[in-house]
Amino acid sequence: MDFNGTWKVYSEENLDEFLKVVGAPEMVVMMRKEVKPVIVIEQKGKDFTYTMKTPICTKVHSFSIGKESEMTTLDGRKFKCIVREEGGKLIAETDKFTSVREIQGEDMIETLTAGSVTFTSKSKRV
């Protein structure tokens, strides 16, 4: 699994619904639907640094496969999760959602599920 690199989001499905289900403030929902972020992933073995860049803010998360990490939402709420690797996919589970990130051909696909709502983001390496 080679997630290293800079990725530009080009497609998002059900973003509004997902953000509302996980409790994002309306301001974040409105701002985020207007922006396609750039994601930078640096991988060194089991250690990752994940940076999401938008014109409004940049968020950096560091995590190691199999270890609990604290992350922060765009609006500043903190949450804990453990990221695991399974079949070349990165899977993160929190009390509110599950994230599955994988490489399919030239694309990075992230599927986030919260209850019955699924959000899908597709990115290309730049």
Protein backbone atom coordinates (compact mmCIF):
# COMPACT_ATOMS: atom_id res chain seq x y z
CA MET A 1 0.00 0.00 0.00
CA ASP A 2 1.58 3.25 -1.12
CA PHE A 3 -0.40 6.20 0.18
CA ASN A 4 2.62 8.53 0.08
CA GLY A 5 2.16 11.71 -1.90
CA THR A 6 -0.05 14.68 -2.56
CA TRP A 7 -3.65 13.97 -3.49
CA LYS A 8 -6.31 16.33 -4.88
CA VAL A 9 -9.92 15.48 -4.12
CA TYR A 10 -11.98 15.52 -7.34
CA SER A 11 -15.25 13.87 -6.31
CA GLU A 12 -17.33 13.71 -3.13
CA GLU A 13 -20.69 12.03 -2.58
CA ASN A 14 -23.01 12.63 0.43
CA LEU A 15 -20.64 15.06 2.17
CA ASP A 16 -23.42 17.27 3.60
CA GLU A 17 -25.37 14.36 5.03
CA PHE A 18 -22.27 12.78 6.56
CA LEU A 19 -21.10 16.00 8.23
CA LYS A 20 -24.57 16.59 9.70
CA VAL A 21 -24.79 13.02 11.07
CA VAL A 22 -21.42 13.34 12.85
CA GLY A 23 -22.46 16.66 14.38
CA ALA A 24 -20.45 19.19 12.38
CA PRO A 25 -21.66 22.79 12.80
CA GLU A 26 -23.64 24.25 9.88
CA MET A 27 -20.79 26.70 9.16
CA VAL A 28 -18.37 23.78 8.61
CA VAL A 29 -20.89 21.98 6.40
CA MET A 30 -21.36 25.09 4.23
CA MET A 31 -17.62 25.85 4.02
CA ARG A 32 -16.55 22.29 3.34
CA LYS A 33 -18.99 21.66 0.47
CA GLU A 34 -17.43 24.59 -1.44
CA VAL A 35 -13.87 23.25 -1.13
CA LYS A 36 -12.05 20.26 -2.59
CA PRO A 37 -9.10 19.72 -0.23
CA VAL A 38 -5.54 18.70 -1.02
CA ILE A 39 -4.30 15.80 1.09
CA VAL A 40 -0.63 15.09 1.76
CA ILE A 41 0.25 11.68 3.17
CA GLU A 42 3.72 10.81 4.42
CA GLN A 43 4.25 7.17 5.31
CA LYS A 44 7.32 5.76 7.04
CA GLY A 45 6.68 2.12 7.81
CA LYS A 46 3.73 2.02 10.21
CA ASP A 47 3.90 5.77 10.97
CA PHE A 48 1.79 8.24 9.00
CA THR A 49 1.37 11.99 8.82
CA TYR A 50 -1.88 13.06 7.15
CA THR A 51 -2.33 16.72 6.21
CA MET A 52 -5.59 18.14 4.84
CA LYS A 53 -5.21 21.58 3.24
CA THR A 54 -8.07 23.92 2.40
CA PRO A 55 -8.00 27.68 1.73
CA ILE A 56 -9.43 28.20 5.24
CA CYS A 57 -7.32 25.86 7.35
CA THR A 58 -4.78 23.07 7.44
CA LYS A 59 -5.17 20.05 9.74
CA VAL A 60 -2.31 17.66 10.48
CA HIS A 61 -2.81 14.24 12.07
CA SER A 62 -0.08 11.77 12.95
CA PHE A 63 -0.81 8.15 13.71
CA SER A 64 0.80 4.73 13.85
CA ILE A 65 -0.88 1.55 12.68
CA GLY A 66 -2.40 -0.29 15.64
CA LYS A 67 -1.95 2.50 18.19
CA GLU A 68 -4.59 4.85 19.58
CA SER A 69 -4.28 8.41 18.26
CA GLU A 70 -6.04 11.67 19.03
CA MET A 71 -7.28 13.66 16.04
CA THR A 72 -9.17 16.93 15.62
CA THR A 73 -12.13 17.75 13.39
CA LEU A 74 -12.21 20.88 11.21
CA ASP A 75 -14.21 22.67 13.91
CA GLY A 76 -11.81 21.71 16.71
CA ARG A 77 -13.55 18.72 18.32
CA LYS A 78 -11.12 16.01 19.42
CA PHE A 79 -11.66 12.29 19.00
CA LYS A 80 -9.65 9.13 19.47
CA CYS A 81 -9.26 6.27 17.05
CA ILE A 82 -7.09 3.32 16.16
CA VAL A 83 -6.05 2.93 12.52
CA ARG A 84 -5.36 -0.58 11.30
CA GLU A 85 -4.14 -1.96 7.99
CA GLU A 86 -6.19 -4.72 6.44
CA GLY A 87 -5.69 -6.04 2.92
CA GLY A 88 -3.89 -2.87 1.79
CA LYS A 89 -6.61 -0.62 3.25
CA LEU A 90 -6.32 1.83 6.15
CA ILE A 91 -9.32 1.43 8.45
CA ALA A 92 -10.08 3.86 11.28
CA GLU A 93 -12.96 3.38 13.70
CA THR A 94 -14.31 5.99 16.10
CA ASP A 95 -17.44 6.08 18.21
CA LYS A 96 -19.19 8.11 15.46
CA PHE A 97 -17.87 6.75 12.16
CA THR A 98 -15.69 4.24 10.31
CA SER A 99 -13.22 5.30 7.60
CA VAL A 100 -11.78 2.98 4.94
CA ARG A 101 -9.03 4.41 2.72
CA GLU A 102 -7.65 2.43 -0.23
CA ILE A 103 -5.85 2.79 -3.53
CA GLN A 104 -7.83 1.71 -6.60
CA GLY A 105 -5.76 2.06 -9.77
CA GLU A 106 -4.65 5.72 -9.87
CA ASP A 107 -7.23 6.87 -7.32
CA MET A 108 -7.34 7.02 -3.54
CA ILE A 109 -10.86 6.25 -2.34
CA GLU A 110 -12.05 7.06 1.17
CA THR A 111 -15.39 5.71 2.34
CA LEU A 112 -16.73 7.05 5.65
CA THR A 113 -19.80 5.51 7.22
CA ALA A 114 -21.81 6.95 10.12
CA GLY A 115 -24.98 5.00 10.86
CA SER A 116 -26.85 4.63 7.59
CA VAL A 117 -24.98 7.50 5.84
CA THR A 118 -21.97 6.80 3.62
CA PHE A 119 -19.68 9.54 2.29
CA THR A 120 -17.24 8.73 -0.52
CA SER A 121 -14.26 10.87 -1.49
CA LYS A 122 -12.09 10.22 -4.56
CA SER A 123 -8.64 11.76 -5.06
CA LYS A 124 -5.91 11.71 -7.71
CA ARG A 125 -2.19 11.96 -7.03
CA VAL A 126 -0.76 15.32 -8.15
